[in-house]
Amino acid sequence: MSQQTSVIQGDITQLPVDAIVNAAKNSLLGGGGVDGAIHRAAGPELLAECRLLNGCATGEAKITKGYQLPAKWVIHTVGPVWYGGDRGEDETLGRCYRNSLTLAAQYQIKTIAFPAISTGVYGFPLERACKIAISEVNKFLHSHKSIEQVIFVCFGQSAYDCYLKVIRELT
């Protein structure tokens, strides 16, 4: 794993980074899990800006201001729902990370934090998602030098332990 990446357990809405990534629904209008937490913490202005974006396709990413969050930006990406792995879920999840990082580079974002995209109600297997996340971030950082720090933020202990396990396996 790169020196530019780290794993923490905590609340993504509290991080003083340039951007946080929201595991959003296609509508971008808030929901449960990390999506709802980000919308609540950012305040009503986030929802108002999201209404102007006309949603987001699965695997794609869009950016808004962070409003009342410590982060200046929120990058919204829509992860795939897990259907067993034979509907392109791995590739789509990989695109979430690539497209989010591409937007970050375009906006000259130096520090970015990711949740474990699609591993909540969308049912993506955690270890499989961790491998994709870490692999995609490492590939991107290898070829793009503008991003200085990527933080994987785990809400619970099991996600944190899984990220650490996968990192040990990949290094």
N, C-alpha and C. Protein backbone atom coordinates (compact mmCIF):
# COMPACT_ATOMS: atom_id res chain seq x y z
N MET A 1 0.84 -1.18 0.00
CA MET A 1 0.00 0.00 0.00
C MET A 1 0.88 1.24 0.00
N SER A 2 0.41 2.27 -0.62
CA SER A 2 1.14 3.51 -0.76
C SER A 2 1.25 4.26 0.57
N GLN A 3 2.31 5.04 0.70
CA GLN A 3 2.47 5.92 1.88
C GLN A 3 1.37 6.97 1.92
N GLN A 4 0.73 7.19 0.78
CA GLN A 4 -0.31 8.21 0.68
C GLN A 4 -1.66 7.73 1.18
N THR A 5 -1.79 6.46 1.54
CA THR A 5 -3.08 5.93 1.95
C THR A 5 -3.06 5.49 3.40
N SER A 6 -4.22 5.60 4.04
CA SER A 6 -4.36 5.15 5.42
C SER A 6 -5.78 4.67 5.66
N VAL A 7 -5.95 3.94 6.74
CA VAL A 7 -7.26 3.42 7.14
C VAL A 7 -7.53 3.89 8.56
N ILE A 8 -8.72 4.43 8.78
CA ILE A 8 -9.11 4.82 10.13
C ILE A 8 -10.52 4.33 10.40
N GLN A 9 -10.86 4.26 11.66
CA GLN A 9 -12.23 3.97 12.05
C GLN A 9 -12.79 5.28 12.59
N GLY A 10 -13.94 5.71 12.07
CA GLY A 10 -14.49 6.96 12.53
C GLY A 10 -15.67 7.42 11.70
N ASP A 11 -15.95 8.71 11.83
CA ASP A 11 -17.09 9.36 11.18
C ASP A 11 -16.56 10.23 10.04
N ILE A 12 -16.86 9.84 8.82
CA ILE A 12 -16.35 10.56 7.65
C ILE A 12 -16.81 12.02 7.62
N THR A 13 -17.94 12.32 8.24
CA THR A 13 -18.45 13.69 8.21
C THR A 13 -17.65 14.64 9.10
N GLN A 14 -16.76 14.10 9.92
CA GLN A 14 -15.98 14.93 10.84
C GLN A 14 -14.55 15.19 10.36
N LEU A 15 -14.17 14.63 9.22
CA LEU A 15 -12.77 14.72 8.80
C LEU A 15 -12.44 16.05 8.14
N PRO A 16 -11.34 16.68 8.58
CA PRO A 16 -10.89 17.93 7.96
C PRO A 16 -10.02 17.65 6.73
N VAL A 17 -10.63 17.13 5.68
CA VAL A 17 -9.96 16.85 4.42
C VAL A 17 -10.54 17.74 3.34
N ASP A 18 -9.90 17.77 2.18
CA ASP A 18 -10.42 18.59 1.09
C ASP A 18 -11.76 18.07 0.59
N ALA A 19 -11.89 16.73 0.51
CA ALA A 19 -13.13 16.14 -0.01
C ALA A 19 -13.43 14.83 0.69
N ILE A 20 -14.72 14.58 0.87
CA ILE A 20 -15.18 13.26 1.30
C ILE A 20 -16.02 12.69 0.18
N VAL A 21 -16.03 11.37 0.09
CA VAL A 21 -16.82 10.70 -0.93
C VAL A 21 -18.10 10.19 -0.27
N ASN A 22 -19.20 10.44 -0.95
CA ASN A 22 -20.51 9.99 -0.50
C ASN A 22 -20.93 8.76 -1.30
N ALA A 23 -21.24 7.69 -0.61
CA ALA A 23 -21.83 6.51 -1.25
C ALA A 23 -23.31 6.81 -1.44
N ALA A 24 -23.63 7.42 -2.57
CA ALA A 24 -24.95 8.01 -2.80
C ALA A 24 -25.91 7.06 -3.51
N LYS A 25 -27.17 7.45 -3.49
CA LYS A 25 -28.19 6.81 -4.32
C LYS A 25 -28.21 7.53 -5.66
N ASN A 26 -28.80 6.91 -6.67
CA ASN A 26 -28.86 7.52 -8.00
C ASN A 26 -29.50 8.91 -8.00
N SER A 27 -30.45 9.15 -7.12
CA SER A 27 -31.14 10.45 -7.08
C SER A 27 -30.25 11.57 -6.53
N LEU A 28 -29.23 11.20 -5.75
CA LEU A 28 -28.35 12.13 -5.01
C LEU A 28 -29.10 12.94 -3.95
N LEU A 29 -30.30 12.52 -3.60
CA LEU A 29 -31.13 13.30 -2.68
C LEU A 29 -31.11 12.79 -1.25
N GLY A 30 -30.08 12.07 -0.88
CA GLY A 30 -29.96 11.58 0.49
C GLY A 30 -30.58 10.21 0.64
N GLY A 31 -30.28 9.60 1.77
CA GLY A 31 -30.79 8.26 2.03
C GLY A 31 -30.34 7.82 3.40
N GLY A 32 -30.05 6.55 3.55
CA GLY A 32 -29.59 6.02 4.82
C GLY A 32 -28.08 5.93 4.85
N GLY A 33 -27.56 5.33 5.89
CA GLY A 33 -26.12 5.09 6.01
C GLY A 33 -25.29 6.35 5.88
N VAL A 34 -24.16 6.21 5.20
CA VAL A 34 -23.23 7.33 5.05
C VAL A 34 -23.87 8.47 4.26
N ASP A 35 -24.71 8.14 3.30
CA ASP A 35 -25.39 9.15 2.48
C ASP A 35 -26.24 10.06 3.37
N GLY A 36 -27.06 9.47 4.22
CA GLY A 36 -27.89 10.27 5.12
C GLY A 36 -27.07 11.07 6.11
N ALA A 37 -26.01 10.46 6.63
CA ALA A 37 -25.14 11.15 7.58
C ALA A 37 -24.49 12.37 6.95
N ILE A 38 -24.03 12.24 5.71
CA ILE A 38 -23.40 13.37 5.02
C ILE A 38 -24.42 14.47 4.77
N HIS A 39 -25.59 14.11 4.31
CA HIS A 39 -26.62 15.13 4.06
C HIS A 39 -27.01 15.85 5.35
N ARG A 40 -27.16 15.11 6.45
CA ARG A 40 -27.51 15.75 7.73
C ARG A 40 -26.41 16.70 8.20
N ALA A 41 -25.16 16.26 8.09
CA ALA A 41 -24.05 17.07 8.58
C ALA A 41 -23.78 18.29 7.70
N ALA A 42 -24.01 18.16 6.40
CA ALA A 42 -23.73 19.26 5.47
C ALA A 42 -24.79 20.35 5.53
N GLY A 43 -26.01 19.98 5.91
CA GLY A 43 -27.10 20.95 5.96
C GLY A 43 -27.93 20.96 4.68
N PRO A 44 -29.00 21.73 4.69
CA PRO A 44 -29.97 21.72 3.59
C PRO A 44 -29.41 22.24 2.26
N GLU A 45 -28.33 23.01 2.31
CA GLU A 45 -27.76 23.53 1.07
C GLU A 45 -27.24 22.39 0.17
N LEU A 46 -26.75 21.32 0.80
CA LEU A 46 -26.27 20.18 0.01
C LEU A 46 -27.40 19.58 -0.80
N LEU A 47 -28.53 19.35 -0.17
CA LEU A 47 -29.67 18.80 -0.87
C LEU A 47 -30.11 19.73 -2.01
N ALA A 48 -30.11 21.02 -1.75
CA ALA A 48 -30.51 21.99 -2.78
C ALA A 48 -29.58 21.91 -3.99
N GLU A 49 -28.26 21.81 -3.75
CA GLU A 49 -27.32 21.70 -4.87
C GLU A 49 -27.48 20.36 -5.58
N CYS A 50 -27.70 19.29 -4.82
CA CYS A 50 -27.87 17.97 -5.43
C CYS A 50 -29.08 17.91 -6.34
N ARG A 51 -30.13 18.64 -5.98
CA ARG A 51 -31.34 18.68 -6.83
C ARG A 51 -31.02 19.20 -8.23
N LEU A 52 -30.02 20.06 -8.35
CA LEU A 52 -29.65 20.66 -9.63
C LEU A 52 -28.83 19.72 -10.52
N LEU A 53 -28.34 18.60 -9.95
CA LEU A 53 -27.43 17.71 -10.68
C LEU A 53 -28.14 16.63 -11.50
N ASN A 54 -29.43 16.51 -11.36
CA ASN A 54 -30.22 15.52 -12.12
C ASN A 54 -29.74 14.10 -11.92
N GLY A 55 -29.38 13.77 -10.69
CA GLY A 55 -29.00 12.40 -10.36
C GLY A 55 -27.61 12.03 -10.86
N CYS A 56 -27.30 10.75 -10.69
CA CYS A 56 -25.97 10.25 -11.06
C CYS A 56 -26.10 8.77 -11.42
N ALA A 57 -25.49 8.39 -12.53
CA ALA A 57 -25.54 6.99 -12.96
C ALA A 57 -24.64 6.14 -12.06
N THR A 58 -24.97 4.89 -11.93
CA THR A 58 -24.16 3.95 -11.15
C THR A 58 -22.76 3.87 -11.75
N GLY A 59 -21.75 3.99 -10.87
CA GLY A 59 -20.37 3.96 -11.30
C GLY A 59 -19.79 5.33 -11.63
N GLU A 60 -20.64 6.32 -11.77
CA GLU A 60 -20.19 7.67 -12.09
C GLU A 60 -20.02 8.49 -10.81
N ALA A 61 -19.56 9.74 -10.95
CA ALA A 61 -19.35 10.60 -9.78
C ALA A 61 -19.66 12.04 -10.15
N LYS A 62 -20.17 12.78 -9.18
CA LYS A 62 -20.44 14.22 -9.32
C LYS A 62 -19.96 14.91 -8.05
N ILE A 63 -19.68 16.21 -8.16
CA ILE A 63 -19.12 16.94 -7.04
C ILE A 63 -20.00 18.11 -6.63
N THR A 64 -20.06 18.35 -5.32
CA THR A 64 -20.75 19.51 -4.78
C THR A 64 -19.86 20.14 -3.71
N LYS A 65 -20.28 21.29 -3.26
CA LYS A 65 -19.62 21.91 -2.11
C LYS A 65 -19.92 21.10 -0.86
N GLY A 66 -19.14 21.31 0.19
CA GLY A 66 -19.32 20.59 1.45
C GLY A 66 -20.21 21.29 2.46
N TYR A 67 -20.47 22.58 2.23
CA TYR A 67 -21.32 23.38 3.11
C TYR A 67 -20.90 23.31 4.56
N GLN A 68 -21.68 22.74 5.45
CA GLN A 68 -21.36 22.77 6.87
C GLN A 68 -20.39 21.66 7.32
N LEU A 69 -19.91 20.87 6.38
CA LEU A 69 -18.91 19.84 6.68
C LEU A 69 -17.53 20.47 6.82
N PRO A 70 -16.61 19.83 7.54
CA PRO A 70 -15.22 20.31 7.53
C PRO A 70 -14.59 20.20 6.14
N ALA A 71 -15.05 19.25 5.33
CA ALA A 71 -14.55 19.07 3.97
C ALA A 71 -15.13 20.15 3.06
N LYS A 72 -14.30 20.67 2.17
CA LYS A 72 -14.73 21.71 1.23
C LYS A 72 -15.65 21.13 0.16
N TRP A 73 -15.41 19.86 -0.21
CA TRP A 73 -16.13 19.23 -1.31
C TRP A 73 -16.73 17.88 -0.87
N VAL A 74 -17.82 17.51 -1.54
CA VAL A 74 -18.38 16.16 -1.44
C VAL A 74 -18.42 15.59 -2.85
N ILE A 75 -17.78 14.45 -3.03
CA ILE A 75 -17.85 13.75 -4.31
C ILE A 75 -18.85 12.61 -4.11
N HIS A 76 -19.92 12.66 -4.89
CA HIS A 76 -21.00 11.68 -4.78
C HIS A 76 -20.78 10.61 -5.84
N THR A 77 -20.75 9.36 -5.44
CA THR A 77 -20.64 8.27 -6.40
C THR A 77 -21.67 7.21 -6.04
N VAL A 78 -22.21 6.58 -7.05
CA VAL A 78 -23.26 5.58 -6.85
C VAL A 78 -22.67 4.20 -7.09
N GLY A 79 -22.55 3.44 -6.03
CA GLY A 79 -22.01 2.09 -6.13
C GLY A 79 -23.05 1.11 -6.62
N PRO A 80 -22.59 -0.05 -7.05
CA PRO A 80 -23.50 -1.08 -7.55
C PRO A 80 -24.17 -1.84 -6.41
N VAL A 81 -25.38 -2.27 -6.68
CA VAL A 81 -26.05 -3.23 -5.80
C VAL A 81 -25.46 -4.60 -6.13
N TRP A 82 -25.21 -5.39 -5.11
CA TRP A 82 -24.64 -6.73 -5.29
C TRP A 82 -25.73 -7.71 -5.70
N TYR A 83 -25.55 -8.35 -6.85
CA TYR A 83 -26.49 -9.36 -7.34
C TYR A 83 -25.83 -10.72 -7.46
N GLY A 84 -24.69 -10.91 -6.83
CA GLY A 84 -24.01 -12.19 -6.90
C GLY A 84 -22.69 -12.15 -7.64
N GLY A 85 -22.37 -11.04 -8.27
CA GLY A 85 -21.07 -10.87 -8.90
C GLY A 85 -21.01 -11.12 -10.39
N ASP A 86 -22.13 -11.48 -11.01
CA ASP A 86 -22.09 -11.77 -12.44
C ASP A 86 -22.77 -10.69 -13.28
N ARG A 87 -22.97 -9.52 -12.70
CA ARG A 87 -23.59 -8.40 -13.43
C ARG A 87 -22.65 -7.19 -13.51
N GLY A 88 -21.36 -7.45 -13.50
CA GLY A 88 -20.39 -6.37 -13.65
C GLY A 88 -20.18 -5.54 -12.41
N GLU A 89 -20.56 -6.08 -11.25
CA GLU A 89 -20.47 -5.32 -10.01
C GLU A 89 -19.02 -4.90 -9.69
N ASP A 90 -18.06 -5.80 -9.90
CA ASP A 90 -16.67 -5.47 -9.59
C ASP A 90 -16.19 -4.28 -10.42
N GLU A 91 -16.41 -4.35 -11.72
CA GLU A 91 -15.98 -3.26 -12.61
C GLU A 91 -16.69 -1.96 -12.26
N THR A 92 -17.97 -2.03 -11.96
CA THR A 92 -18.72 -0.82 -11.63
C THR A 92 -18.19 -0.20 -10.34
N LEU A 93 -17.90 -1.02 -9.34
CA LEU A 93 -17.33 -0.49 -8.10
C LEU A 93 -15.97 0.14 -8.37
N GLY A 94 -15.17 -0.49 -9.18
CA GLY A 94 -13.88 0.09 -9.56
C GLY A 94 -14.03 1.45 -10.21
N ARG A 95 -15.04 1.59 -11.08
CA ARG A 95 -15.30 2.89 -11.72
C ARG A 95 -15.67 3.95 -10.70
N CYS A 96 -16.38 3.57 -9.64
CA CYS A 96 -16.72 4.55 -8.59
C CYS A 96 -15.45 5.19 -8.04
N TYR A 97 -14.46 4.37 -7.74
CA TYR A 97 -13.20 4.89 -7.19
C TYR A 97 -12.43 5.69 -8.23
N ARG A 98 -12.32 5.16 -9.46
CA ARG A 98 -11.59 5.88 -10.52
C ARG A 98 -12.23 7.22 -10.83
N ASN A 99 -13.55 7.23 -10.98
CA ASN A 99 -14.24 8.48 -11.33
C ASN A 99 -14.19 9.50 -10.20
N SER A 100 -14.27 9.03 -8.97
CA SER A 100 -14.16 9.95 -7.82
C SER A 100 -12.77 10.57 -7.77
N LEU A 101 -11.75 9.75 -7.96
CA LEU A 101 -10.37 10.26 -7.93
C LEU A 101 -10.08 11.17 -9.12
N THR A 102 -10.65 10.88 -10.27
CA THR A 102 -10.48 11.74 -11.43
C THR A 102 -11.08 13.12 -11.16
N LEU A 103 -12.27 13.16 -10.58
CA LEU A 103 -12.88 14.44 -10.20
C LEU A 103 -12.01 15.17 -9.19
N ALA A 104 -11.50 14.43 -8.22
CA ALA A 104 -10.63 15.04 -7.20
C ALA A 104 -9.42 15.70 -7.85
N ALA A 105 -8.81 15.01 -8.79
CA ALA A 105 -7.65 15.57 -9.47
C ALA A 105 -8.04 16.81 -10.27
N GLN A 106 -9.19 16.77 -10.93
CA GLN A 106 -9.66 17.93 -11.72
C GLN A 106 -9.88 19.15 -10.84
N TYR A 107 -10.32 18.94 -9.61
CA TYR A 107 -10.60 20.05 -8.68
C TYR A 107 -9.41 20.36 -7.77
N GLN A 108 -8.27 19.80 -8.09
CA GLN A 108 -7.02 20.04 -7.35
C GLN A 108 -7.15 19.68 -5.86
N ILE A 109 -7.92 18.64 -5.60
CA ILE A 109 -8.11 18.14 -4.24
C ILE A 109 -6.87 17.35 -3.85
N LYS A 110 -6.33 17.65 -2.70
CA LYS A 110 -5.10 17.00 -2.22
C LYS A 110 -5.39 15.86 -1.25
N THR A 111 -6.45 15.99 -0.45
CA THR A 111 -6.78 14.98 0.56
C THR A 111 -8.24 14.56 0.38
N ILE A 112 -8.47 13.25 0.37
CA ILE A 112 -9.80 12.71 0.11
C ILE A 112 -10.05 11.50 1.00
N ALA A 113 -11.29 11.37 1.45
CA ALA A 113 -11.67 10.25 2.31
C ALA A 113 -12.81 9.47 1.66
N PHE A 114 -12.67 8.14 1.67
CA PHE A 114 -13.67 7.24 1.10
C PHE A 114 -14.32 6.40 2.18
N PRO A 115 -15.64 6.18 2.08
CA PRO A 115 -16.28 5.14 2.89
C PRO A 115 -16.14 3.81 2.15
N ALA A 116 -16.65 2.75 2.72
CA ALA A 116 -16.65 1.44 2.06
C ALA A 116 -17.87 1.38 1.14
N ILE A 117 -17.71 1.88 -0.07
CA ILE A 117 -18.81 2.03 -1.03
C ILE A 117 -19.48 0.68 -1.32
N SER A 118 -20.81 0.69 -1.30
CA SER A 118 -21.68 -0.44 -1.66
C SER A 118 -21.73 -1.57 -0.64
N THR A 119 -21.02 -1.44 0.49
CA THR A 119 -20.96 -2.57 1.42
C THR A 119 -22.07 -2.56 2.47
N GLY A 120 -22.88 -1.52 2.48
CA GLY A 120 -23.99 -1.45 3.43
C GLY A 120 -25.22 -2.13 2.85
N VAL A 121 -26.29 -1.36 2.69
CA VAL A 121 -27.54 -1.92 2.20
C VAL A 121 -27.43 -2.46 0.77
N TYR A 122 -26.41 -2.04 0.01
CA TYR A 122 -26.25 -2.54 -1.35
C TYR A 122 -25.65 -3.94 -1.37
N GLY A 123 -25.15 -4.43 -0.23
CA GLY A 123 -24.80 -5.83 -0.05
C GLY A 123 -23.51 -6.32 -0.69
N PHE A 124 -22.65 -5.43 -1.16
CA PHE A 124 -21.39 -5.88 -1.77
C PHE A 124 -20.55 -6.54 -0.69
N PRO A 125 -20.00 -7.73 -0.94
CA PRO A 125 -19.18 -8.40 0.08
C PRO A 125 -17.99 -7.51 0.49
N LEU A 126 -17.83 -7.33 1.78
CA LEU A 126 -16.87 -6.38 2.32
C LEU A 126 -15.44 -6.65 1.86
N GLU A 127 -14.96 -7.87 2.00
CA GLU A 127 -13.57 -8.14 1.64
C GLU A 127 -13.32 -7.91 0.14
N ARG A 128 -14.26 -8.32 -0.66
CA ARG A 128 -14.15 -8.11 -2.11
C ARG A 128 -14.12 -6.62 -2.43
N ALA A 129 -14.98 -5.85 -1.77
CA ALA A 129 -15.02 -4.40 -1.98
C ALA A 129 -13.72 -3.74 -1.53
N CYS A 130 -13.16 -4.20 -0.40
CA CYS A 130 -11.90 -3.65 0.10
C CYS A 130 -10.78 -3.86 -0.91
N LYS A 131 -10.70 -5.05 -1.48
CA LYS A 131 -9.66 -5.35 -2.47
C LYS A 131 -9.77 -4.43 -3.67
N ILE A 132 -10.99 -4.22 -4.14
CA ILE A 132 -11.21 -3.34 -5.29
C ILE A 132 -10.83 -1.90 -4.93
N ALA A 133 -11.27 -1.44 -3.77
CA ALA A 133 -11.00 -0.06 -3.35
C ALA A 133 -9.50 0.19 -3.26
N ILE A 134 -8.80 -0.66 -2.56
CA ILE A 134 -7.37 -0.47 -2.34
C ILE A 134 -6.61 -0.58 -3.66
N SER A 135 -6.97 -1.53 -4.48
CA SER A 135 -6.31 -1.71 -5.77
C SER A 135 -6.51 -0.49 -6.67
N GLU A 136 -7.74 -0.03 -6.78
CA GLU A 136 -8.04 1.12 -7.65
C GLU A 136 -7.34 2.39 -7.16
N VAL A 137 -7.35 2.62 -5.87
CA VAL A 137 -6.69 3.81 -5.33
C VAL A 137 -5.19 3.73 -5.57
N ASN A 138 -4.59 2.59 -5.32
CA ASN A 138 -3.14 2.45 -5.53
C ASN A 138 -2.77 2.65 -7.00
N LYS A 139 -3.56 2.09 -7.92
CA LYS A 139 -3.30 2.29 -9.35
C LYS A 139 -3.38 3.77 -9.71
N PHE A 140 -4.39 4.44 -9.21
CA PHE A 140 -4.58 5.86 -9.53
C PHE A 140 -3.42 6.68 -8.99
N LEU A 141 -3.05 6.45 -7.74
CA LEU A 141 -1.97 7.22 -7.13
C LEU A 141 -0.64 6.98 -7.82
N HIS A 142 -0.46 5.80 -8.36
CA HIS A 142 0.78 5.48 -9.07
C HIS A 142 0.94 6.33 -10.33
N SER A 143 -0.17 6.65 -10.98
CA SER A 143 -0.10 7.40 -12.24
C SER A 143 -0.52 8.86 -12.13
N HIS A 144 -1.02 9.28 -10.97
CA HIS A 144 -1.43 10.67 -10.75
C HIS A 144 -0.81 11.16 -9.45
N LYS A 145 0.02 12.15 -9.54
CA LYS A 145 0.76 12.62 -8.36
C LYS A 145 0.07 13.76 -7.63
N SER A 146 -1.06 14.25 -8.13
CA SER A 146 -1.67 15.44 -7.55
C SER A 146 -2.34 15.17 -6.19
N ILE A 147 -2.86 13.97 -5.98
CA ILE A 147 -3.52 13.66 -4.71
C ILE A 147 -2.46 13.21 -3.71
N GLU A 148 -2.45 13.87 -2.56
CA GLU A 148 -1.42 13.63 -1.55
C GLU A 148 -1.82 12.59 -0.51
N GLN A 149 -3.13 12.50 -0.21
CA GLN A 149 -3.56 11.57 0.83
C GLN A 149 -4.95 11.03 0.54
N VAL A 150 -5.08 9.70 0.67
CA VAL A 150 -6.38 9.04 0.57
C VAL A 150 -6.60 8.29 1.88
N ILE A 151 -7.75 8.53 2.49
CA ILE A 151 -8.09 7.87 3.74
C ILE A 151 -9.31 6.98 3.51
N PHE A 152 -9.19 5.73 3.88
CA PHE A 152 -10.35 4.83 3.89
C PHE A 152 -10.96 4.93 5.28
N VAL A 153 -12.19 5.40 5.37
CA VAL A 153 -12.84 5.62 6.65
C VAL A 153 -13.85 4.51 6.89
N CYS A 154 -13.64 3.77 7.95
CA CYS A 154 -14.51 2.64 8.30
C CYS A 154 -15.41 3.04 9.45
N PHE A 155 -16.69 2.84 9.28
CA PHE A 155 -17.64 3.19 10.32
C PHE A 155 -17.58 2.19 11.48
N GLY A 156 -17.37 0.93 11.18
CA GLY A 156 -17.38 -0.10 12.22
C GLY A 156 -16.07 -0.86 12.29
N GLN A 157 -15.93 -1.62 13.36
CA GLN A 157 -14.72 -2.40 13.60
C GLN A 157 -14.51 -3.47 12.53
N SER A 158 -15.59 -4.12 12.09
CA SER A 158 -15.43 -5.20 11.11
C SER A 158 -14.87 -4.67 9.79
N ALA A 159 -15.33 -3.52 9.35
CA ALA A 159 -14.80 -2.92 8.12
C ALA A 159 -13.34 -2.53 8.31
N TYR A 160 -13.03 -1.93 9.44
CA TYR A 160 -11.65 -1.54 9.74
C TYR A 160 -10.73 -2.75 9.72
N ASP A 161 -11.13 -3.82 10.40
CA ASP A 161 -10.33 -5.04 10.43
C ASP A 161 -10.15 -5.63 9.03
N CYS A 162 -11.20 -5.57 8.23
CA CYS A 162 -11.14 -6.12 6.87
C CYS A 162 -10.16 -5.32 6.01
N TYR A 163 -10.22 -4.00 6.08
CA TYR A 163 -9.27 -3.18 5.31
C TYR A 163 -7.83 -3.50 5.71
N LEU A 164 -7.57 -3.60 7.02
CA LEU A 164 -6.21 -3.90 7.47
C LEU A 164 -5.76 -5.28 6.96
N LYS A 165 -6.66 -6.26 6.99
CA LYS A 165 -6.35 -7.61 6.50
C LYS A 165 -6.00 -7.59 5.02
N VAL A 166 -6.80 -6.90 4.24
CA VAL A 166 -6.59 -6.83 2.79
C VAL A 166 -5.29 -6.08 2.49
N ILE A 167 -5.01 -5.03 3.22
CA ILE A 167 -3.76 -4.29 3.01
C ILE A 167 -2.57 -5.19 3.27
N ARG A 168 -2.62 -5.97 4.35
CA ARG A 168 -1.52 -6.90 4.65
C ARG A 168 -1.34 -7.92 3.53
N GLU A 169 -2.45 -8.40 2.98
CA GLU A 169 -2.39 -9.38 1.90
C GLU A 169 -1.82 -8.79 0.62
N LEU A 170 -2.12 -7.54 0.34
CA LEU A 170 -1.71 -6.92 -0.92
C LEU A 170 -0.30 -6.35 -0.87
N THR A 171 0.30 -6.27 0.31
CA THR A 171 1.65 -5.70 0.39
C THR A 171 2.68 -6.76 0.72
